[in-house]
């Protein structure tokens, strides 16, 4: 797995981001399991996987927050105070 750029991740849809989070967390679990059982693995992959999961979750959170704010603005326009 190569390090992905944040600009590459931005182009993914929300569904693709969720799928990538699941895949990466599964990979991270397998790496930790290999470490615990003293199997051969590349230690830098743990760091890269953790970083990718954090980037994906951050992007998904920002998108959902932005979407929620837009829905609130629409409701405010439809229902005057």
PDB file of N, CA and C in Angstrom:
ATOM      1  N   UNK A   1       0.842  -1.175   0.000  1.00  0.00           N
ATOM      2  CA  UNK A   1       0.000   0.000   0.000  1.00  0.00           C
ATOM      3  C   UNK A   1       0.884   1.234   0.000  1.00  0.00           C
ATOM      4  N   UNK A   2       0.675   2.077  -0.940  1.00  0.00           N
ATOM      5  CA  UNK A   2       1.435   3.319  -0.986  1.00  0.00           C
ATOM      6  C   UNK A   2       0.654   4.405  -0.255  1.00  0.00           C
ATOM      7  N   UNK A   3       1.363   5.410   0.171  1.00  0.00           N
ATOM      8  CA  UNK A   3       0.710   6.524   0.824  1.00  0.00           C
ATOM      9  C   UNK A   3      -0.159   7.261  -0.173  1.00  0.00           C
ATOM     10  N   UNK A   4      -1.406   7.475   0.185  1.00  0.00           N
ATOM     11  CA  UNK A   4      -2.285   8.205  -0.710  1.00  0.00           C
ATOM     12  C   UNK A   4      -2.273   9.684  -0.324  1.00  0.00           C
ATOM     13  N   UNK A   5      -2.460  10.504  -1.294  1.00  0.00           N
ATOM     14  CA  UNK A   5      -2.531  11.936  -1.065  1.00  0.00           C
ATOM     15  C   UNK A   5      -3.958  12.302  -0.665  1.00  0.00           C
ATOM     16  N   UNK A   6      -4.093  13.309   0.170  1.00  0.00           N
ATOM     17  CA  UNK A   6      -5.416  13.739   0.612  1.00  0.00           C
ATOM     18  C   UNK A   6      -6.245  14.214  -0.571  1.00  0.00           C
ATOM     19  N   UNK A   7      -5.586  14.784  -1.578  1.00  0.00           N
ATOM     20  CA  UNK A   7      -6.321  15.246  -2.760  1.00  0.00           C
ATOM     21  C   UNK A   7      -6.929  14.075  -3.523  1.00  0.00           C
ATOM     22  N   UNK A   8      -6.292  12.897  -3.451  1.00  0.00           N
ATOM     23  CA  UNK A   8      -6.863  11.712  -4.092  1.00  0.00           C
ATOM     24  C   UNK A   8      -8.101  11.231  -3.346  1.00  0.00           C
ATOM     25  N   UNK A   9      -8.083  11.362  -2.046  1.00  0.00           N
ATOM     26  CA  UNK A   9      -9.191  10.897  -1.220  1.00  0.00           C
ATOM     27  C   UNK A   9     -10.415  11.791  -1.397  1.00  0.00           C
ATOM     28  N   UNK A  10     -10.205  13.068  -1.621  1.00  0.00           N
ATOM     29  CA  UNK A  10     -11.314  14.017  -1.757  1.00  0.00           C
ATOM     30  C   UNK A  10     -12.235  13.641  -2.915  1.00  0.00           C
ATOM     31  N   UNK A  11     -11.687  13.032  -3.941  1.00  0.00           N
ATOM     32  CA  UNK A  11     -12.491  12.701  -5.119  1.00  0.00           C
ATOM     33  C   UNK A  11     -13.423  11.508  -4.897  1.00  0.00           C
ATOM     34  N   UNK A  12     -13.295  10.801  -3.779  1.00  0.00           N
ATOM     35  CA  UNK A  12     -14.138   9.646  -3.506  1.00  0.00           C
ATOM     36  C   UNK A  12     -15.521  10.087  -3.028  1.00  0.00           C
ATOM     37  N   UNK A  13     -16.525   9.260  -3.300  1.00  0.00           N
ATOM     38  CA  UNK A  13     -17.868   9.539  -2.794  1.00  0.00           C
ATOM     39  C   UNK A  13     -17.955   9.080  -1.342  1.00  0.00           C
ATOM     40  N   UNK A  14     -19.014   9.477  -0.670  1.00  0.00           N
ATOM     41  CA  UNK A  14     -19.176   9.100   0.738  1.00  0.00           C
ATOM     42  C   UNK A  14     -19.236   7.584   0.908  1.00  0.00           C
ATOM     43  N   UNK A  15     -19.902   6.909  -0.004  1.00  0.00           N
ATOM     44  CA  UNK A  15     -20.014   5.450   0.070  1.00  0.00           C
ATOM     45  C   UNK A  15     -18.638   4.809  -0.117  1.00  0.00           C
ATOM     46  N   UNK A  16     -17.864   5.311  -1.066  1.00  0.00           N
ATOM     47  CA  UNK A  16     -16.521   4.780  -1.306  1.00  0.00           C
ATOM     48  C   UNK A  16     -15.617   5.034  -0.103  1.00  0.00           C
ATOM     49  N   UNK A  17     -15.792   6.177   0.545  1.00  0.00           N
ATOM     50  CA  UNK A  17     -15.005   6.490   1.733  1.00  0.00           C
ATOM     51  C   UNK A  17     -15.335   5.506   2.851  1.00  0.00           C
ATOM     52  N   UNK A  18     -16.616   5.238   3.052  1.00  0.00           N
ATOM     53  CA  UNK A  18     -17.029   4.294   4.094  1.00  0.00           C
ATOM     54  C   UNK A  18     -16.463   2.900   3.823  1.00  0.00           C
ATOM     55  N   UNK A  19     -16.497   2.476   2.562  1.00  0.00           N
ATOM     56  CA  UNK A  19     -15.949   1.167   2.199  1.00  0.00           C
ATOM     57  C   UNK A  19     -14.444   1.131   2.428  1.00  0.00           C
ATOM     58  N   UNK A  20     -13.766   2.220   2.107  1.00  0.00           N
ATOM     59  CA  UNK A  20     -12.313   2.303   2.291  1.00  0.00           C
ATOM     60  C   UNK A  20     -11.949   2.289   3.785  1.00  0.00           C
ATOM     61  N   UNK A  21     -12.776   2.919   4.607  1.00  0.00           N
ATOM     62  CA  UNK A  21     -12.540   2.907   6.053  1.00  0.00           C
ATOM     63  C   UNK A  21     -12.624   1.474   6.571  1.00  0.00           C
ATOM     64  N   UNK A  22     -13.643   0.752   6.155  1.00  0.00           N
ATOM     65  CA  UNK A  22     -13.816  -0.633   6.598  1.00  0.00           C
ATOM     66  C   UNK A  22     -12.641  -1.492   6.144  1.00  0.00           C
ATOM     67  N   UNK A  23     -12.243  -1.324   4.900  1.00  0.00           N
ATOM     68  CA  UNK A  23     -11.128  -2.113   4.359  1.00  0.00           C
ATOM     69  C   UNK A  23      -9.825  -1.805   5.097  1.00  0.00           C
ATOM     70  N   UNK A  24      -9.571  -0.542   5.345  1.00  0.00           N
ATOM     71  CA  UNK A  24      -8.324  -0.133   5.983  1.00  0.00           C
ATOM     72  C   UNK A  24      -8.291  -0.552   7.454  1.00  0.00           C
ATOM     73  N   UNK A  25      -9.429  -0.456   8.148  1.00  0.00           N
ATOM     74  CA  UNK A  25      -9.469  -0.900   9.535  1.00  0.00           C
ATOM     75  C   UNK A  25      -9.259  -2.406   9.634  1.00  0.00           C
ATOM     76  N   UNK A  26      -9.778  -3.155   8.671  1.00  0.00           N
ATOM     77  CA  UNK A  26      -9.548  -4.593   8.628  1.00  0.00           C
ATOM     78  C   UNK A  26      -8.065  -4.900   8.412  1.00  0.00           C
ATOM     79  N   UNK A  27      -7.452  -4.155   7.510  1.00  0.00           N
ATOM     80  CA  UNK A  27      -6.021  -4.312   7.245  1.00  0.00           C
ATOM     81  C   UNK A  27      -5.201  -3.967   8.489  1.00  0.00           C
ATOM     82  N   UNK A  28      -5.613  -2.919   9.188  1.00  0.00           N
ATOM     83  CA  UNK A  28      -4.934  -2.506  10.413  1.00  0.00           C
ATOM     84  C   UNK A  28      -5.050  -3.597  11.483  1.00  0.00           C
ATOM     85  N   UNK A  29      -6.219  -4.202  11.593  1.00  0.00           N
ATOM     86  CA  UNK A  29      -6.404  -5.306  12.537  1.00  0.00           C
ATOM     87  C   UNK A  29      -5.464  -6.457  12.211  1.00  0.00           C
ATOM     88  N   UNK A  30      -5.372  -6.806  10.927  1.00  0.00           N
ATOM     89  CA  UNK A  30      -4.497  -7.903  10.518  1.00  0.00           C
ATOM     90  C   UNK A  30      -3.029  -7.582  10.815  1.00  0.00           C
ATOM     91  N   UNK A  31      -2.634  -6.340  10.613  1.00  0.00           N
ATOM     92  CA  UNK A  31      -1.257  -5.947  10.917  1.00  0.00           C
ATOM     93  C   UNK A  31      -0.970  -6.043  12.415  1.00  0.00           C
ATOM     94  N   UNK A  32      -1.912  -5.605  13.224  1.00  0.00           N
ATOM     95  CA  UNK A  32      -1.731  -5.695  14.678  1.00  0.00           C
ATOM     96  C   UNK A  32      -1.695  -7.150  15.127  1.00  0.00           C
ATOM     97  N   UNK A  33      -2.493  -7.988  14.492  1.00  0.00           N
ATOM     98  CA  UNK A  33      -2.498  -9.412  14.811  1.00  0.00           C
ATOM     99  C   UNK A  33      -1.155 -10.038  14.452  1.00  0.00           C
ATOM    100  N   UNK A  34      -0.619  -9.663  13.301  1.00  0.00           N
ATOM    101  CA  UNK A  34       0.700 -10.157  12.904  1.00  0.00           C
ATOM    102  C   UNK A  34       1.761  -9.722  13.904  1.00  0.00           C
ATOM    103  N   UNK A  35       1.659  -8.488  14.374  1.00  0.00           N
ATOM    104  CA  UNK A  35       2.630  -7.982  15.350  1.00  0.00           C
ATOM    105  C   UNK A  35       2.537  -8.777  16.654  1.00  0.00           C
ATOM    106  N   UNK A  36       1.312  -9.043  17.107  1.00  0.00           N
ATOM    107  CA  UNK A  36       1.118  -9.755  18.366  1.00  0.00           C
ATOM    108  C   UNK A  36       1.597 -11.206  18.285  1.00  0.00           C
ATOM    109  N   UNK A  37       1.472 -11.799  17.110  1.00  0.00           N
ATOM    110  CA  UNK A  37       1.883 -13.198  16.943  1.00  0.00           C
ATOM    111  C   UNK A  37       3.294 -13.313  16.394  1.00  0.00           C
ATOM    112  N   UNK A  38       3.984 -12.190  16.324  1.00  0.00           N
ATOM    113  CA  UNK A  38       5.383 -12.123  15.879  1.00  0.00           C
ATOM    114  C   UNK A  38       5.596 -12.698  14.478  1.00  0.00           C
ATOM    115  N   UNK A  39       4.640 -12.420  13.599  1.00  0.00           N
ATOM    116  CA  UNK A  39       4.790 -12.785  12.196  1.00  0.00           C
ATOM    117  C   UNK A  39       5.495 -11.648  11.468  1.00  0.00           C
ATOM    118  N   UNK A  40       5.986 -11.959  10.289  1.00  0.00           N
ATOM    119  CA  UNK A  40       6.688 -10.946   9.501  1.00  0.00           C
ATOM    120  C   UNK A  40       5.695  -9.926   8.937  1.00  0.00           C
ATOM    121  N   UNK A  41       6.016  -8.657   9.105  1.00  0.00           N
ATOM    122  CA  UNK A  41       5.233  -7.570   8.532  1.00  0.00           C
ATOM    123  C   UNK A  41       6.111  -6.328   8.499  1.00  0.00           C
ATOM    124  N   UNK A  42       5.659  -5.341   7.794  1.00  0.00           N
ATOM    125  CA  UNK A  42       6.406  -4.086   7.690  1.00  0.00           C
ATOM    126  C   UNK A  42       5.792  -3.087   8.678  1.00  0.00           C
ATOM    127  N   UNK A  43       6.546  -2.712   9.706  1.00  0.00           N
ATOM    128  CA  UNK A  43       5.993  -1.855  10.766  1.00  0.00           C
ATOM    129  C   UNK A  43       5.438  -0.517  10.281  1.00  0.00           C
ATOM    130  N   UNK A  44       5.991   0.033   9.225  1.00  0.00           N
ATOM    131  CA  UNK A  44       5.501   1.327   8.750  1.00  0.00           C
ATOM    132  C   UNK A  44       4.082   1.238   8.206  1.00  0.00           C
ATOM    133  N   UNK A  45       3.629   0.037   7.872  1.00  0.00           N
ATOM    134  CA  UNK A  45       2.271  -0.115   7.354  1.00  0.00           C
ATOM    135  C   UNK A  45       1.223   0.207   8.418  1.00  0.00           C
ATOM    136  N   UNK A  46       1.549  -0.052   9.685  1.00  0.00           N
ATOM    137  CA  UNK A  46       0.613   0.283  10.758  1.00  0.00           C
ATOM    138  C   UNK A  46       0.412   1.796  10.803  1.00  0.00           C
ATOM    139  N   UNK A  47       1.517   2.529  10.771  1.00  0.00           N
ATOM    140  CA  UNK A  47       1.442   3.992  10.805  1.00  0.00           C
ATOM    141  C   UNK A  47       0.670   4.526   9.605  1.00  0.00           C
ATOM    142  N   UNK A  48       0.958   4.001   8.425  1.00  0.00           N
ATOM    143  CA  UNK A  48       0.287   4.467   7.214  1.00  0.00           C
ATOM    144  C   UNK A  48      -1.208   4.164   7.256  1.00  0.00           C
ATOM    145  N   UNK A  49      -1.576   2.981   7.754  1.00  0.00           N
ATOM    146  CA  UNK A  49      -2.989   2.612   7.835  1.00  0.00           C
ATOM    147  C   UNK A  49      -3.726   3.496   8.828  1.00  0.00           C
ATOM    148  N   UNK A  50      -3.103   3.744   9.980  1.00  0.00           N
ATOM    149  CA  UNK A  50      -3.731   4.606  10.977  1.00  0.00           C
ATOM    150  C   UNK A  50      -3.954   6.010  10.417  1.00  0.00           C
ATOM    151  N   UNK A  51      -2.976   6.501   9.707  1.00  0.00           N
ATOM    152  CA  UNK A  51      -3.059   7.840   9.134  1.00  0.00           C
ATOM    153  C   UNK A  51      -4.173   7.903   8.074  1.00  0.00           C
ATOM    154  N   UNK A  52      -4.264   6.871   7.245  1.00  0.00           N
ATOM    155  CA  UNK A  52      -5.295   6.835   6.206  1.00  0.00           C
ATOM    156  C   UNK A  52      -6.688   6.781   6.821  1.00  0.00           C
ATOM    157  N   UNK A  53      -6.864   5.964   7.858  1.00  0.00           N
ATOM    158  CA  UNK A  53      -8.169   5.884   8.527  1.00  0.00           C
ATOM    159  C   UNK A  53      -8.546   7.249   9.096  1.00  0.00           C
ATOM    160  N   UNK A  54      -7.588   7.919   9.710  1.00  0.00           N
ATOM    161  CA  UNK A  54      -7.863   9.247  10.280  1.00  0.00           C
ATOM    162  C   UNK A  54      -8.260  10.238   9.190  1.00  0.00           C
ATOM    163  N   UNK A  55      -7.563  10.213   8.062  1.00  0.00           N
ATOM    164  CA  UNK A  55      -7.889  11.131   6.968  1.00  0.00           C
ATOM    165  C   UNK A  55      -9.277  10.845   6.411  1.00  0.00           C
ATOM    166  N   UNK A  56      -9.601   9.573   6.234  1.00  0.00           N
ATOM    167  CA  UNK A  56     -10.907   9.199   5.693  1.00  0.00           C
ATOM    168  C   UNK A  56     -12.033   9.603   6.639  1.00  0.00           C
ATOM    169  N   UNK A  57     -11.842   9.332   7.928  1.00  0.00           N
ATOM    170  CA  UNK A  57     -12.875   9.683   8.903  1.00  0.00           C
ATOM    171  C   UNK A  57     -13.049  11.193   9.010  1.00  0.00           C
ATOM    172  N   UNK A  58     -11.957  11.921   8.936  1.00  0.00           N
ATOM    173  CA  UNK A  58     -12.028  13.387   8.992  1.00  0.00           C
ATOM    174  C   UNK A  58     -12.811  13.934   7.806  1.00  0.00           C
ATOM    175  N   UNK A  59     -12.496  13.433   6.622  1.00  0.00           N
ATOM    176  CA  UNK A  59     -13.189  13.898   5.424  1.00  0.00           C
ATOM    177  C   UNK A  59     -14.676  13.561   5.481  1.00  0.00           C
ATOM    178  N   UNK A  60     -15.006  12.355   5.905  1.00  0.00           N
ATOM    179  CA  UNK A  60     -16.405  11.944   5.994  1.00  0.00           C
ATOM    180  C   UNK A  60     -17.156  12.799   7.013  1.00  0.00           C
ATOM    181  N   UNK A  61     -16.531  13.079   8.148  1.00  0.00           N
ATOM    182  CA  UNK A  61     -17.150  13.919   9.172  1.00  0.00           C
ATOM    183  C   UNK A  61     -17.396  15.326   8.652  1.00  0.00           C
ATOM    184  N   UNK A  62     -16.413  15.892   7.969  1.00  0.00           N
ATOM    185  CA  UNK A  62     -16.579  17.241   7.419  1.00  0.00           C
ATOM    186  C   UNK A  62     -17.706  17.297   6.399  1.00  0.00           C
ATOM    187  N   UNK A  63     -17.792  16.281   5.552  1.00  0.00           N
ATOM    188  CA  UNK A  63     -18.853  16.258   4.542  1.00  0.00           C
ATOM    189  C   UNK A  63     -20.223  16.134   5.187  1.00  0.00           C
ATOM    190  N   UNK A  64     -20.345  15.264   6.188  1.00  0.00           N
ATOM    191  CA  UNK A  64     -21.637  15.087   6.842  1.00  0.00           C
ATOM    192  C   UNK A  64     -22.036  16.336   7.626  1.00  0.00           C
ATOM    193  N   UNK A  65     -21.067  16.992   8.240  1.00  0.00           N
ATOM    194  CA  UNK A  65     -21.349  18.226   8.966  1.00  0.00           C
ATOM    195  C   UNK A  65     -21.814  19.320   8.005  1.00  0.00           C
ATOM    196  N   UNK A  66     -21.147  19.425   6.854  1.00  0.00           N
ATOM    197  CA  UNK A  66     -21.525  20.415   5.850  1.00  0.00           C
ATOM    198  C   UNK A  66     -22.928  20.137   5.323  1.00  0.00           C
ATOM    199  N   UNK A  67     -23.225  18.869   5.111  1.00  0.00           N
ATOM    200  CA  UNK A  67     -24.550  18.493   4.613  1.00  0.00           C
ATOM    201  C   UNK A  67     -25.624  18.832   5.642  1.00  0.00           C
ATOM    202  N   UNK A  68     -25.336  18.572   6.906  1.00  0.00           N
ATOM    203  CA  UNK A  68     -26.289  18.866   7.972  1.00  0.00           C
ATOM    204  C   UNK A  68     -26.555  20.367   8.068  1.00  0.00           C
ATOM    205  N   UNK A  69     -25.505  21.179   7.924  1.00  0.00           N
ATOM    206  CA  UNK A  69     -25.676  22.630   7.970  1.00  0.00           C
ATOM    207  C   UNK A  69     -26.530  23.128   6.807  1.00  0.00           C
ATOM    208  N   UNK A  70     -26.335  22.527   5.630  1.00  0.00           N
ATOM    209  CA  UNK A  70     -27.135  22.931   4.473  1.00  0.00           C
ATOM    210  C   UNK A  70     -28.599  22.585   4.688  1.00  0.00           C
ATOM    211  N   UNK A  71     -28.876  21.413   5.265  1.00  0.00           N
ATOM    212  CA  UNK A  71     -30.256  21.022   5.536  1.00  0.00           C
ATOM    213  C   UNK A  71     -30.894  21.951   6.556  1.00  0.00           C
ATOM    214  N   UNK A  72     -30.136  22.366   7.550  1.00  0.00           N
ATOM    215  CA  UNK A  72     -30.637  23.290   8.565  1.00  0.00           C
ATOM    216  C   UNK A  72     -30.953  24.641   7.929  1.00  0.00           C
ATOM    217  N   UNK A  73     -30.090  25.101   7.030  1.00  0.00           N
ATOM    218  CA  UNK A  73     -30.329  26.370   6.354  1.00  0.00           C
ATOM    219  C   UNK A  73     -31.596  26.309   5.508  1.00  0.00           C
ATOM    220  N   UNK A  74     -31.821  25.201   4.851  1.00  0.00           N
ATOM    221  CA  UNK A  74     -33.020  25.039   4.017  1.00  0.00           C
ATOM    222  C   UNK A  74     -34.264  25.057   4.889  1.00  0.00           C
ATOM    223  N   UNK A  75     -34.202  24.361   6.023  1.00  0.00           N
ATOM    224  CA  UNK A  75     -35.346  24.348   6.934  1.00  0.00           C
ATOM    225  C   UNK A  75     -35.624  25.742   7.497  1.00  0.00           C
ATOM    226  N   UNK A  76     -34.582  26.488   7.786  1.00  0.00           N
ATOM    227  CA  UNK A  76     -34.749  27.852   8.287  1.00  0.00           C
ATOM    228  C   UNK A  76     -35.421  28.743   7.255  1.00  0.00           C
ATOM    229  N   UNK A  77     -35.127  28.512   5.997  1.00  0.00           N
ATOM    230  CA  UNK A  77     -35.733  29.311   4.918  1.00  0.00           C
ATOM    231  C   UNK A  77     -37.198  28.919   4.730  1.00  0.00           C
ATOM    232  N   UNK A  78     -37.515  27.641   4.890  1.00  0.00           N
ATOM    233  CA  UNK A  78     -38.894  27.181   4.700  1.00  0.00           C
ATOM    234  C   UNK A  78     -39.793  27.560   5.859  1.00  0.00           C
ATOM    235  N   UNK A  79     -39.241  27.563   7.063  1.00  0.00           N
ATOM    236  CA  UNK A  79     -40.038  27.863   8.248  1.00  0.00           C
ATOM    237  C   UNK A  79     -39.532  29.173   8.846  1.00  0.00           C
ATOM    238  N   UNK A  80     -40.204  30.278   8.515  1.00  0.00           N
ATOM    239  CA  UNK A  80     -39.760  31.557   9.079  1.00  0.00           C
ATOM    240  C   UNK A  80     -40.103  31.633  10.565  1.00  0.00           C
ATOM    241  N   UNK A  81     -39.303  32.356  11.306  1.00  0.00           N
ATOM    242  CA  UNK A  81     -39.547  32.506  12.750  1.00  0.00           C
ATOM    243  C   UNK A  81     -40.461  33.656  13.050  1.00  0.00           C
TER     244      UNK A  81
END
